C-alpha atoms as a PDB file:
ATOM      1  CA  MET A   1      98.373  90.570 111.462  1.00  0.00           C
ATOM      2  CA  ARG A   2     101.233  90.739 113.686  1.00  0.00           C
ATOM      3  CA  LYS A   3     103.393  91.553 110.983  1.00  0.00           C
ATOM      4  CA  VAL A   4     101.360  94.426 109.996  1.00  0.00           C
ATOM      5  CA  MET A   5     101.367  95.614 113.440  1.00  0.00           C
ATOM      6  CA  GLY A   6     105.094  95.216 113.711  1.00  0.00           C
ATOM      7  CA  LEU A   7     105.780  97.439 110.425  1.00  0.00           C
ATOM      8  CA  THR A   8     103.365 100.077 111.869  1.00  0.00           C
ATOM      9  CA  MET A   9     104.999 100.054 115.197  1.00  0.00           C
ATOM     10  CA  ALA A  10     108.447 100.273 113.611  1.00  0.00           C
ATOM     11  CA  ALA A  11     107.067 103.159 111.196  1.00  0.00           C
ATOM     12  CA  LEU A  12     105.935 105.151 114.290  1.00  0.00           C
ATOM     13  CA  LEU A  13     109.189 104.783 115.961  1.00  0.00           C
ATOM     14  CA  ALA A  14     110.992 105.954 112.860  1.00  0.00           C
ATOM     15  CA  VAL A  15     108.844 109.117 112.842  1.00  0.00           C
ATOM     16  CA  GLY A  16     109.476 109.673 116.622  1.00  0.00           C
ATOM     17  CA  ALA A  17     113.236 109.359 116.368  1.00  0.00           C
ATOM     18  CA  THR A  18     113.243 111.453 113.249  1.00  0.00           C
ATOM     19  CA  ALA A  19     111.172 114.247 115.141  1.00  0.00           C
ATOM     20  CA  CYS A  20     113.494 114.038 118.295  1.00  0.00           C
ATOM     21  CA  SER A  21     116.768 114.296 116.360  1.00  0.00           C
ATOM     22  CA  ASN A  22     115.582 117.197 114.256  1.00  0.00           C
ATOM     23  CA  GLY A  23     113.655 119.084 116.940  1.00  0.00           C
ATOM     24  CA  ASP A  24     114.363 120.864 120.149  1.00  0.00           C
ATOM     25  CA  ASP A  25     112.720 120.153 123.583  1.00  0.00           C
ATOM     26  CA  GLY A  26     113.074 123.509 124.839  1.00  0.00           C
ATOM     27  CA  SER A  27     116.335 122.688 126.541  1.00  0.00           C
ATOM     28  CA  GLY A  28     118.485 124.278 123.635  1.00  0.00           C
ATOM     29  CA  THR A  29     120.005 123.418 119.960  1.00  0.00           C
ATOM     30  CA  LYS A  30     120.762 119.766 119.718  1.00  0.00           C
ATOM     31  CA  ASP A  31     123.772 118.175 118.166  1.00  0.00           C
ATOM     32  CA  GLY A  32     122.154 116.978 115.047  1.00  0.00           C
ATOM     33  CA  GLY A  33     120.760 113.532 116.036  1.00  0.00           C
ATOM     34  CA  SER A  34     122.309 113.023 119.601  1.00  0.00           C
ATOM     35  CA  GLY A  35     119.683 114.741 121.509  1.00  0.00           C
ATOM     36  CA  LYS A  36     122.264 116.507 123.342  1.00  0.00           C
ATOM     37  CA  LYS A  37     122.616 120.365 123.761  1.00  0.00           C
ATOM     38  CA  ILE A  38     125.514 121.847 121.752  1.00  0.00           C
ATOM     39  CA  LYS A  39     128.327 122.698 123.702  1.00  0.00           C
ATOM     40  CA  LEU A  40     130.968 125.304 122.373  1.00  0.00           C
ATOM     41  CA  THR A  41     134.229 126.831 123.826  1.00  0.00           C
ATOM     42  CA  LEU A  42     135.636 130.069 122.609  1.00  0.00           C
ATOM     43  CA  VAL A  43     139.440 130.425 123.245  1.00  0.00           C
ATOM     44  CA  GLN A  44     140.247 134.009 123.156  1.00  0.00           C
ATOM     45  CA  GLY A  45     143.554 135.463 121.829  1.00  0.00           C
ATOM     46  CA  MET A  46     144.017 137.191 125.261  1.00  0.00           C
ATOM     47  CA  ALA A  47     141.688 137.334 128.261  1.00  0.00           C
ATOM     48  CA  GLY A  48     140.521 140.636 129.571  1.00  0.00           C
ATOM     49  CA  GLU A  49     141.412 142.683 126.399  1.00  0.00           C
ATOM     50  CA  GLU A  50     138.451 144.623 125.234  1.00  0.00           C
ATOM     51  CA  PHE A  51     138.477 143.471 121.772  1.00  0.00           C
ATOM     52  CA  TYR A  52     138.224 139.857 122.719  1.00  0.00           C
ATOM     53  CA  GLU A  53     135.858 140.793 125.678  1.00  0.00           C
ATOM     54  CA  THR A  54     133.637 142.389 123.076  1.00  0.00           C
ATOM     55  CA  MET A  55     133.869 139.246 120.667  1.00  0.00           C
ATOM     56  CA  ALA A  56     132.929 137.235 123.749  1.00  0.00           C
ATOM     57  CA  CYS A  57     129.918 139.334 124.372  1.00  0.00           C
ATOM     58  CA  GLY A  58     128.672 138.848 121.012  1.00  0.00           C
ATOM     59  CA  ALA A  59     129.373 135.184 121.010  1.00  0.00           C
ATOM     60  CA  ARG A  60     127.455 134.659 124.448  1.00  0.00           C
ATOM     61  CA  ALA A  61     124.386 136.755 123.121  1.00  0.00           C
ATOM     62  CA  GLU A  62     124.026 134.651 120.017  1.00  0.00           C
ATOM     63  CA  ALA A  63     124.504 131.404 122.074  1.00  0.00           C
ATOM     64  CA  ALA A  64     121.942 132.285 124.450  1.00  0.00           C
ATOM     65  CA  ARG A  65     119.748 133.353 121.233  1.00  0.00           C
ATOM     66  CA  LEU A  66     120.443 129.819 119.777  1.00  0.00           C
ATOM     67  CA  GLY A  67     120.212 128.039 123.167  1.00  0.00           C
ATOM     68  CA  VAL A  68     123.745 126.516 123.172  1.00  0.00           C
ATOM     69  CA  ASP A  69     126.258 126.457 126.192  1.00  0.00           C
ATOM     70  CA  LEU A  70     129.212 128.459 125.547  1.00  0.00           C
ATOM     71  CA  LYS A  71     132.441 128.643 127.642  1.00  0.00           C
ATOM     72  CA  VAL A  72     135.095 131.261 127.419  1.00  0.00           C
ATOM     73  CA  GLN A  73     138.610 130.878 127.885  1.00  0.00           C
ATOM     74  CA  GLY A  74     142.019 132.893 127.023  1.00  0.00           C
ATOM     75  CA  PRO A  75     145.497 133.160 128.110  1.00  0.00           C
ATOM     76  CA  GLN A  76     146.732 136.338 130.107  1.00  0.00           C
ATOM     77  CA  LYS A  77     148.842 137.275 127.257  1.00  0.00           C
ATOM     78  CA  PHE A  78     148.715 136.986 123.574  1.00  0.00           C
ATOM     79  CA  ASP A  79     151.253 134.191 123.613  1.00  0.00           C
ATOM     80  CA  SER A  80     151.176 130.856 121.781  1.00  0.00           C
ATOM     81  CA  THR A  81     152.880 129.214 124.726  1.00  0.00           C
ATOM     82  CA  LEU A  82     150.105 129.962 126.971  1.00  0.00           C
ATOM     83  CA  GLN A  83     147.261 129.619 124.550  1.00  0.00           C
ATOM     84  CA  THR A  84     148.533 125.862 123.457  1.00  0.00           C
ATOM     85  CA  PRO A  85     147.828 124.420 126.796  1.00  0.00           C
ATOM     86  CA  ILE A  86     144.303 125.991 126.882  1.00  0.00           C
ATOM     87  CA  VAL A  87     143.653 124.301 123.518  1.00  0.00           C
ATOM     88  CA  ASN A  88     144.912 120.968 124.778  1.00  0.00           C
ATOM     89  CA  SER A  89     142.765 121.109 127.819  1.00  0.00           C
ATOM     90  CA  VAL A  90     139.654 122.142 125.815  1.00  0.00           C
ATOM     91  CA  VAL A  91     140.274 119.304 123.391  1.00  0.00           C
ATOM     92  CA  ALA A  92     140.385 116.741 126.305  1.00  0.00           C
ATOM     93  CA  SER A  93     137.052 118.164 127.525  1.00  0.00           C
ATOM     94  CA  ARG A  94     135.389 117.346 123.866  1.00  0.00           C
ATOM     95  CA  PRO A  95     133.112 120.118 123.406  1.00  0.00           C
ATOM     96  CA  ASP A  96     131.149 119.905 119.893  1.00  0.00           C
ATOM     97  CA  GLY A  97     132.625 122.898 118.649  1.00  0.00           C
ATOM     98  CA  LEU A  98     135.670 125.303 119.261  1.00  0.00           C
ATOM     99  CA  LEU A  99     136.083 129.069 118.332  1.00  0.00           C
ATOM    100  CA  ILE A 100     139.675 130.161 118.534  1.00  0.00           C
ATOM    101  CA  ALA A 101     141.865 133.251 117.771  1.00  0.00           C
ATOM    102  CA  PRO A 102     144.910 131.805 117.236  1.00  0.00           C
ATOM    103  CA  THR A 103     147.990 133.671 118.583  1.00  0.00           C
ATOM    104  CA  ASP A 104     150.306 132.312 116.052  1.00  0.00           C
ATOM    105  CA  THR A 105     150.054 131.203 112.428  1.00  0.00           C
ATOM    106  CA  LYS A 106     152.324 127.981 112.913  1.00  0.00           C
ATOM    107  CA  ALA A 107     152.471 127.235 116.613  1.00  0.00           C
ATOM    108  CA  LEU A 108     148.603 126.259 117.077  1.00  0.00           C
ATOM    109  CA  ILE A 109     148.517 124.101 113.857  1.00  0.00           C
ATOM    110  CA  ALA A 110     149.449 121.031 115.861  1.00  0.00           C
ATOM    111  CA  PRO A 111     147.016 121.512 118.964  1.00  0.00           C
ATOM    112  CA  LEU A 112     144.340 122.513 116.329  1.00  0.00           C
ATOM    113  CA  THR A 113     144.966 119.319 114.194  1.00  0.00           C
ATOM    114  CA  GLN A 114     144.540 117.332 117.245  1.00  0.00           C
ATOM    115  CA  ALA A 115     141.083 119.094 118.023  1.00  0.00           C
ATOM    116  CA  LYS A 116     140.027 118.195 114.346  1.00  0.00           C
ATOM    117  CA  ALA A 117     141.281 114.622 114.781  1.00  0.00           C
ATOM    118  CA  ALA A 118     138.834 114.718 118.077  1.00  0.00           C
ATOM    119  CA  GLY A 119     135.966 115.571 115.733  1.00  0.00           C
ATOM    120  CA  ILE A 120     135.603 118.942 117.322  1.00  0.00           C
ATOM    121  CA  LYS A 121     134.163 121.462 114.641  1.00  0.00           C
ATOM    122  CA  THR A 122     136.846 124.410 114.684  1.00  0.00           C
ATOM    123  CA  ILE A 123     136.062 127.952 113.573  1.00  0.00           C
ATOM    124  CA  LEU A 124     138.943 130.541 113.359  1.00  0.00           C
ATOM    125  CA  VAL A 125     137.863 133.979 114.728  1.00  0.00           C
ATOM    126  CA  ASP A 126     139.827 137.145 113.984  1.00  0.00           C
ATOM    127  CA  THR A 127     143.331 135.345 113.398  1.00  0.00           C
ATOM    128  CA  VAL A 128     144.074 132.261 111.385  1.00  0.00           C
ATOM    129  CA  VAL A 129     146.791 129.439 111.056  1.00  0.00           C
ATOM    130  CA  ASP A 130     148.710 128.513 107.898  1.00  0.00           C
ATOM    131  CA  ASP A 131     147.145 125.442 107.375  1.00  0.00           C
ATOM    132  CA  PRO A 132     144.217 125.991 104.942  1.00  0.00           C
ATOM    133  CA  ASN A 133     142.858 122.655 106.235  1.00  0.00           C
ATOM    134  CA  ILE A 134     142.291 123.947 109.777  1.00  0.00           C
ATOM    135  CA  GLY A 135     139.180 126.191 110.265  1.00  0.00           C
ATOM    136  CA  LEU A 136     135.696 125.004 108.792  1.00  0.00           C
ATOM    137  CA  SER A 137     135.154 128.845 108.754  1.00  0.00           C
ATOM    138  CA  ARG A 138     137.355 131.826 108.939  1.00  0.00           C
ATOM    139  CA  ILE A 139     135.720 134.809 110.126  1.00  0.00           C
ATOM    140  CA  SER A 140     137.943 138.134 110.471  1.00  0.00           C
ATOM    141  CA  THR A 141     138.072 141.807 109.683  1.00  0.00           C
ATOM    142  CA  ASP A 142     139.466 142.476 106.129  1.00  0.00           C
ATOM    143  CA  ASN A 143     142.872 143.571 107.621  1.00  0.00           C
ATOM    144  CA  ALA A 144     144.604 144.652 104.479  1.00  0.00           C
ATOM    145  CA  LYS A 145     141.807 146.809 103.481  1.00  0.00           C
ATOM    146  CA  GLY A 146     142.117 148.273 107.180  1.00  0.00           C
ATOM    147  CA  GLY A 147     145.804 148.825 106.894  1.00  0.00           C
ATOM    148  CA  GLN A 148     144.995 150.733 103.502  1.00  0.00           C
ATOM    149  CA  ALA A 149     142.383 152.752 105.348  1.00  0.00           C
ATOM    150  CA  ALA A 150     145.032 153.668 107.778  1.00  0.00           C
ATOM    151  CA  ALA A 151     147.325 154.752 105.431  1.00  0.00           C
ATOM    152  CA  THR A 152     144.735 156.903 103.838  1.00  0.00           C
ATOM    153  CA  ALA A 153     144.141 158.474 106.998  1.00  0.00           C
ATOM    154  CA  LEU A 154     147.523 158.856 108.150  1.00  0.00           C
ATOM    155  CA  THR A 155     148.918 160.445 104.960  1.00  0.00           C
ATOM    156  CA  ARG A 156     145.939 162.961 104.979  1.00  0.00           C
ATOM    157  CA  GLU A 157     147.029 164.006 108.603  1.00  0.00           C
ATOM    158  CA  ILE A 158     150.639 164.828 107.570  1.00  0.00           C
ATOM    159  CA  GLY A 159     149.855 166.387 104.309  1.00  0.00           C
ATOM    160  CA  ASP A 160     150.940 163.647 102.222  1.00  0.00           C
ATOM    161  CA  LYS A 161     154.650 163.951 103.029  1.00  0.00           C
ATOM    162  CA  GLY A 162     157.304 162.964 105.658  1.00  0.00           C
ATOM    163  CA  LYS A 163     158.360 159.832 107.204  1.00  0.00           C
ATOM    164  CA  VAL A 164     155.846 157.321 108.574  1.00  0.00           C
ATOM    165  CA  LEU A 165     156.658 154.269 111.095  1.00  0.00           C
ATOM    166  CA  VAL A 166     154.360 151.156 111.836  1.00  0.00           C
ATOM    167  CA  ILE A 167     154.410 149.702 115.370  1.00  0.00           C
ATOM    168  CA  SER A 168     153.141 146.121 115.090  1.00  0.00           C
ATOM    169  CA  SER A 169     152.792 143.502 117.865  1.00  0.00           C
ATOM    170  CA  ASP A 170     154.654 140.232 116.496  1.00  0.00           C
ATOM    171  CA  PRO A 171     155.602 138.835 113.086  1.00  0.00           C
ATOM    172  CA  GLY A 172     153.403 135.702 112.436  1.00  0.00           C
ATOM    173  CA  VAL A 173     150.239 137.051 113.537  1.00  0.00           C
ATOM    174  CA  SER A 174     147.846 136.962 110.627  1.00  0.00           C
ATOM    175  CA  THR A 175     145.801 139.823 111.442  1.00  0.00           C
ATOM    176  CA  VAL A 176     148.371 142.224 112.105  1.00  0.00           C
ATOM    177  CA  ASP A 177     150.514 141.018 109.452  1.00  0.00           C
ATOM    178  CA  ALA A 178     147.747 141.769 106.818  1.00  0.00           C
ATOM    179  CA  ARG A 179     147.549 145.408 108.258  1.00  0.00           C
ATOM    180  CA  VAL A 180     151.070 146.211 107.875  1.00  0.00           C
ATOM    181  CA  GLN A 181     151.054 144.738 104.447  1.00  0.00           C
ATOM    182  CA  GLY A 182     148.175 146.781 103.271  1.00  0.00           C
ATOM    183  CA  PHE A 183     149.528 149.778 104.839  1.00  0.00           C
ATOM    184  CA  GLU A 184     152.977 149.470 103.245  1.00  0.00           C
ATOM    185  CA  GLN A 185     151.589 148.875  99.827  1.00  0.00           C
ATOM    186  CA  ALA A 186     149.076 151.763  99.912  1.00  0.00           C
ATOM    187  CA  VAL A 187     151.810 154.013 100.910  1.00  0.00           C
ATOM    188  CA  LYS A 188     154.360 153.112  98.313  1.00  0.00           C
ATOM    189  CA  ALA A 189     151.747 152.678  95.627  1.00  0.00           C
ATOM    190  CA  SER A 190     149.827 155.846  96.068  1.00  0.00           C
ATOM    191  CA  HIS A 191     151.961 158.356  98.153  1.00  0.00           C
ATOM    192  CA  PRO A 192     155.315 159.209  96.587  1.00  0.00           C
ATOM    193  CA  GLY A 193     156.019 161.972  99.075  1.00  0.00           C
ATOM    194  CA  VAL A 194     155.594 159.899 101.981  1.00  0.00           C
ATOM    195  CA  GLN A 195     158.805 157.711 103.209  1.00  0.00           C
ATOM    196  CA  PHE A 196     157.997 154.366 104.825  1.00  0.00           C
ATOM    197  CA  VAL A 197     160.619 153.710 107.335  1.00  0.00           C
ATOM    198  CA  GLY A 198     159.666 150.375 108.340  1.00  0.00           C
ATOM    199  CA  VAL A 199     158.145 147.984 111.124  1.00  0.00           C
ATOM    200  CA  GLN A 200     159.047 147.772 114.769  1.00  0.00           C
ATOM    201  CA  TYR A 201     157.515 145.360 117.010  1.00  0.00           C
ATOM    202  CA  SER A 202     156.133 145.831 120.578  1.00  0.00           C
ATOM    203  CA  HIS A 203     155.434 142.180 121.384  1.00  0.00           C
ATOM    204  CA  ASN A 204     151.953 143.291 122.415  1.00  0.00           C
ATOM    205  CA  ASP A 205     153.420 145.026 125.240  1.00  0.00           C
ATOM    206  CA  VAL A 206     152.559 148.511 126.386  1.00  0.00           C
ATOM    207  CA  GLY A 207     156.125 149.342 127.907  1.00  0.00           C
ATOM    208  CA  GLU A 208     157.884 147.851 125.090  1.00  0.00           C
ATOM    209  CA  ALA A 209     155.815 149.822 122.634  1.00  0.00           C
ATOM    210  CA  SER A 210     156.681 152.978 124.310  1.00  0.00           C
ATOM    211  CA  LYS A 211     160.573 152.112 124.144  1.00  0.00           C
ATOM    212  CA  VAL A 212     159.856 151.301 120.335  1.00  0.00           C
ATOM    213  CA  MET A 213     158.492 154.712 119.901  1.00  0.00           C
ATOM    214  CA  ASN A 214     161.155 156.591 121.941  1.00  0.00           C
ATOM    215  CA  SER A 215     163.867 154.991 119.939  1.00  0.00           C
ATOM    216  CA  ALA A 216     162.130 155.830 116.661  1.00  0.00           C
ATOM    217  CA  LEU A 217     161.797 159.468 117.773  1.00  0.00           C
ATOM    218  CA  ALA A 218     165.542 159.681 118.721  1.00  0.00           C
ATOM    219  CA  LYS A 219     166.679 158.066 115.258  1.00  0.00           C
ATOM    220  CA  ASN A 220     163.988 160.049 113.106  1.00  0.00           C
ATOM    221  CA  PRO A 221     163.374 163.445 114.663  1.00  0.00           C
ATOM    222  CA  ASP A 222     161.538 164.463 111.649  1.00  0.00           C
ATOM    223  CA  LEU A 223     159.234 161.583 112.035  1.00  0.00           C
ATOM    224  CA  ALA A 224     155.775 162.851 110.711  1.00  0.00           C
ATOM    225  CA  GLY A 225     153.347 159.883 111.423  1.00  0.00           C
ATOM    226  CA  VAL A 226     152.727 156.540 113.244  1.00  0.00           C
ATOM    227  CA  PHE A 227     150.566 153.611 112.548  1.00  0.00           C
ATOM    228  CA  ALA A 228     149.989 151.460 115.394  1.00  0.00           C
ATOM    229  CA  THR A 229     148.466 148.131 114.415  1.00  0.00           C
ATOM    230  CA  ASN A 230     146.835 146.933 117.591  1.00  0.00           C
ATOM    231  CA  LEU A 231     145.612 147.932 120.845  1.00  0.00           C
ATOM    232  CA  ASN A 232     148.836 147.755 123.035  1.00  0.00           C
ATOM    233  CA  SER A 233     151.041 149.126 120.491  1.00  0.00           C
ATOM    234  CA  ALA A 234     148.783 152.337 120.092  1.00  0.00           C
ATOM    235  CA  THR A 235     148.715 152.740 124.048  1.00  0.00           C
ATOM    236  CA  GLY A 236     152.431 152.355 124.241  1.00  0.00           C
ATOM    237  CA  ALA A 237     153.266 154.494 121.441  1.00  0.00           C
ATOM    238  CA  GLY A 238     150.585 157.403 122.524  1.00  0.00           C
ATOM    239  CA  SER A 239     152.113 157.537 125.917  1.00  0.00           C
ATOM    240  CA  ALA A 240     155.678 158.013 124.396  1.00  0.00           C
ATOM    241  CA  LEU A 241     154.477 160.690 122.422  1.00  0.00           C
ATOM    242  CA  GLN A 242     152.845 162.653 125.107  1.00  0.00           C
ATOM    243  CA  GLN A 243     155.862 162.353 127.260  1.00  0.00           C
ATOM    244  CA  ALA A 244     158.159 163.581 124.371  1.00  0.00           C
ATOM    245  CA  GLY A 245     155.956 166.772 123.805  1.00  0.00           C
ATOM    246  CA  LYS A 246     155.191 165.615 120.251  1.00  0.00           C
ATOM    247  CA  LEU A 247     151.406 165.446 120.418  1.00  0.00           C
ATOM    248  CA  GLY A 248     150.029 167.286 117.315  1.00  0.00           C
ATOM    249  CA  LYS A 249     153.579 167.154 115.757  1.00  0.00           C
ATOM    250  CA  VAL A 250     153.481 163.194 115.132  1.00  0.00           C
ATOM    251  CA  LYS A 251     150.329 162.160 113.718  1.00  0.00           C
ATOM    252  CA  MET A 252     149.237 158.478 114.873  1.00  0.00           C
ATOM    253  CA  ILE A 253     146.445 156.299 113.597  1.00  0.00           C
ATOM    254  CA  GLY A 254     145.498 153.518 115.900  1.00  0.00           C
ATOM    255  CA  PHE A 255     143.828 150.093 115.034  1.00  0.00           C
ATOM    256  CA  ASP A 256     141.055 149.033 117.646  1.00  0.00           C
ATOM    257  CA  ALA A 257     138.837 151.322 119.798  1.00  0.00           C
ATOM    258  CA  GLY A 258     139.156 150.286 123.530  1.00  0.00           C
ATOM    259  CA  PRO A 259     138.405 152.608 126.255  1.00  0.00           C
ATOM    260  CA  ALA A 260     142.158 153.613 126.255  1.00  0.00           C
ATOM    261  CA  GLN A 261     142.160 154.462 122.542  1.00  0.00           C
ATOM    262  CA  VAL A 262     139.126 156.424 123.042  1.00  0.00           C
ATOM    263  CA  LYS A 263     140.581 158.414 125.554  1.00  0.00           C
ATOM    264  CA  GLN A 264     143.489 159.131 123.357  1.00  0.00           C
ATOM    265  CA  LEU A 265     141.391 159.999 120.715  1.00  0.00           C
ATOM    266  CA  ARG A 266     139.524 162.581 122.991  1.00  0.00           C
ATOM    267  CA  ASP A 267     142.859 163.875 124.027  1.00  0.00           C
ATOM    268  CA  GLY A 268     144.396 164.209 120.821  1.00  0.00           C
ATOM    269  CA  VAL A 269     146.987 161.594 121.221  1.00  0.00           C
ATOM    270  CA  VAL A 270     145.672 159.750 118.116  1.00  0.00           C
ATOM    271  CA  GLN A 271     143.781 161.449 115.180  1.00  0.00           C
ATOM    272  CA  GLY A 272     141.669 158.559 114.153  1.00  0.00           C
ATOM    273  CA  LEU A 273     141.193 154.844 115.239  1.00  0.00           C
ATOM    274  CA  ILE A 274     140.080 152.068 113.094  1.00  0.00           C
ATOM    275  CA  ALA A 275     137.552 149.916 114.922  1.00  0.00           C
ATOM    276  CA  GLN A 276     136.803 146.369 113.953  1.00  0.00           C
ATOM    277  CA  LEU A 277     133.616 144.595 114.756  1.00  0.00           C
ATOM    278  CA  PRO A 278     134.662 141.995 117.372  1.00  0.00           C
ATOM    279  CA  GLY A 279     131.017 141.254 118.343  1.00  0.00           C
ATOM    280  CA  GLU A 280     130.042 140.731 115.035  1.00  0.00           C
ATOM    281  CA  ILE A 281     132.614 138.231 114.598  1.00  0.00           C
ATOM    282  CA  GLY A 282     131.909 136.185 117.913  1.00  0.00           C
ATOM    283  CA  ALA A 283     128.203 136.045 117.019  1.00  0.00           C
ATOM    284  CA  LYS A 284     128.940 134.712 113.483  1.00  0.00           C
ATOM    285  CA  GLY A 285     131.642 132.166 114.825  1.00  0.00           C
ATOM    286  CA  VAL A 286     128.943 130.883 116.968  1.00  0.00           C
ATOM    287  CA  ASP A 287     126.666 130.542 114.063  1.00  0.00           C
ATOM    288  CA  GLN A 288     129.026 129.010 111.998  1.00  0.00           C
ATOM    289  CA  ALA A 289     129.932 126.204 114.507  1.00  0.00           C
ATOM    290  CA  VAL A 290     126.351 125.343 115.263  1.00  0.00           C
ATOM    291  CA  ALA A 291     126.054 124.981 111.608  1.00  0.00           C
ATOM    292  CA  ALA A 292     128.958 122.702 111.437  1.00  0.00           C
ATOM    293  CA  VAL A 293     127.769 120.745 114.252  1.00  0.00           C
ATOM    294  CA  LYS A 294     124.320 120.073 112.969  1.00  0.00           C
ATOM    295  CA  HIS A 295     125.734 119.108 109.471  1.00  0.00           C
ATOM    296  CA  GLN A 296     124.320 122.498 107.789  1.00  0.00           C
ATOM    297  CA  PRO A 297     126.255 124.380 105.104  1.00  0.00           C
ATOM    298  CA  VAL A 298     129.171 126.415 106.619  1.00  0.00           C
ATOM    299  CA  THR A 299     130.768 129.490 104.757  1.00  0.00           C
ATOM    300  CA  LYS A 300     134.452 129.109 104.402  1.00  0.00           C
ATOM    301  CA  SER A 301     135.436 132.859 104.638  1.00  0.00           C
ATOM    302  CA  ILE A 302     133.444 135.400 106.323  1.00  0.00           C
ATOM    303  CA  PRO A 303     135.107 138.960 106.302  1.00  0.00           C
ATOM    304  CA  THR A 304     133.851 141.749 108.280  1.00  0.00           C
ATOM    305  CA  ASP A 305     134.077 145.485 108.081  1.00  0.00           C
ATOM    306  CA  ALA A 306     136.017 148.204 109.884  1.00  0.00           C
ATOM    307  CA  THR A 307     134.967 151.658 110.524  1.00  0.00           C
ATOM    308  CA  ILE A 308     137.218 154.731 110.923  1.00  0.00           C
ATOM    309  CA  VAL A 309     136.513 156.786 114.242  1.00  0.00           C
ATOM    310  CA  THR A 310     137.371 160.382 114.722  1.00  0.00           C
ATOM    311  CA  LYS A 311     136.548 163.158 116.733  1.00  0.00           C
ATOM    312  CA  ASP A 312     133.798 163.921 114.365  1.00  0.00           C
ATOM    313  CA  ASN A 313     131.738 160.807 114.704  1.00  0.00           C
ATOM    314  CA  LEU A 314     133.006 159.482 118.045  1.00  0.00           C
ATOM    315  CA  ASP A 315     129.839 160.841 119.885  1.00  0.00           C
ATOM    316  CA  LYS A 316     127.418 159.971 117.052  1.00  0.00           C
ATOM    317  CA  PRO A 317     125.540 156.494 117.014  1.00  0.00           C
ATOM    318  CA  GLU A 318     127.820 155.196 114.331  1.00  0.00           C
ATOM    319  CA  GLY A 319     130.896 155.859 116.139  1.00  0.00           C
ATOM    320  CA  GLN A 320     129.428 154.691 119.642  1.00  0.00           C
ATOM    321  CA  LYS A 321     128.197 151.376 118.275  1.00  0.00           C
ATOM    322  CA  VAL A 322     131.606 150.060 117.476  1.00  0.00           C
ATOM    323  CA  LEU A 323     133.518 150.948 120.531  1.00  0.00           C
ATOM    324  CA  TYR A 324     134.852 148.150 122.465  1.00  0.00           C
ATOM    325  CA  LYS A 325     133.623 147.013 125.908  1.00  0.00           C
ATOM    326  CA  ALA A 326     135.403 145.635 129.074  1.00  0.00           C
ATOM    327  CA  GLY A 327     132.257 143.423 129.593  1.00  0.00           C
ATOM    328  CA  CYS A 328     128.695 142.543 128.575  1.00  0.00           C
END
């Protein structure tokens, strides 16, 4: 009798333990079996930049919906030497999951390898590193297609003839490298009347982008068009074009749709913007991190769309919904 009662009690305890490990007591999503609320950290590529703030908003909204804790940190510049100490600090704090936009394809491999060794489920959002073993899921805009779309838009603006320049941030950043590659390939393959004069780098600095644009105008006074691959490059290039009296003469397509770029579009500084969906990237990053922590299936690669914003659709619902925000 005592043996039967013991077995019965053991069975009841097992059922209770299973219910606790798989359920939620109302305090939030649980780390599969530990009974603790899942803790995630998002490390942005750059704190305060509208793209990454919009990503954080999407991530926060999804974390709140799922009942998980989310902290957000980021360096003041898009710089691996500033981001690496943040990652090291996050690894030391041992969250369950890490969402990160690496600021360099190589420099972040070592700290993210340490995160992996610590058992932290790592999800790459927006940018990636060269090591394919890092990042249980990689969520990013299809940047090569974005570059191709920019080539189509810019060549149309310049009548499919003339010289075009690309101003990018830095080599070694996966997203912008893909945009440059997509743009260059599209121009050379489909637009024989357009001369690609190369890529110049702004180091993600508005002032440097302005200097690059001024130098390019001096070297190529007949320059017809510019593709600026990121937020700060577009801001600086647009400022230089405005100061040089080249508005409407040198056409520009920008990548990203922060408030400064929207103003440029309204003012005729740029003729089109390629807007990503950072809020969606952030939300999907949280989804994948939670799935990984709970030992559920994770999607290895998730491409997200981009939308071309022009004056024609800027104030329509489809344009307004993809503009970036400075805060939630």
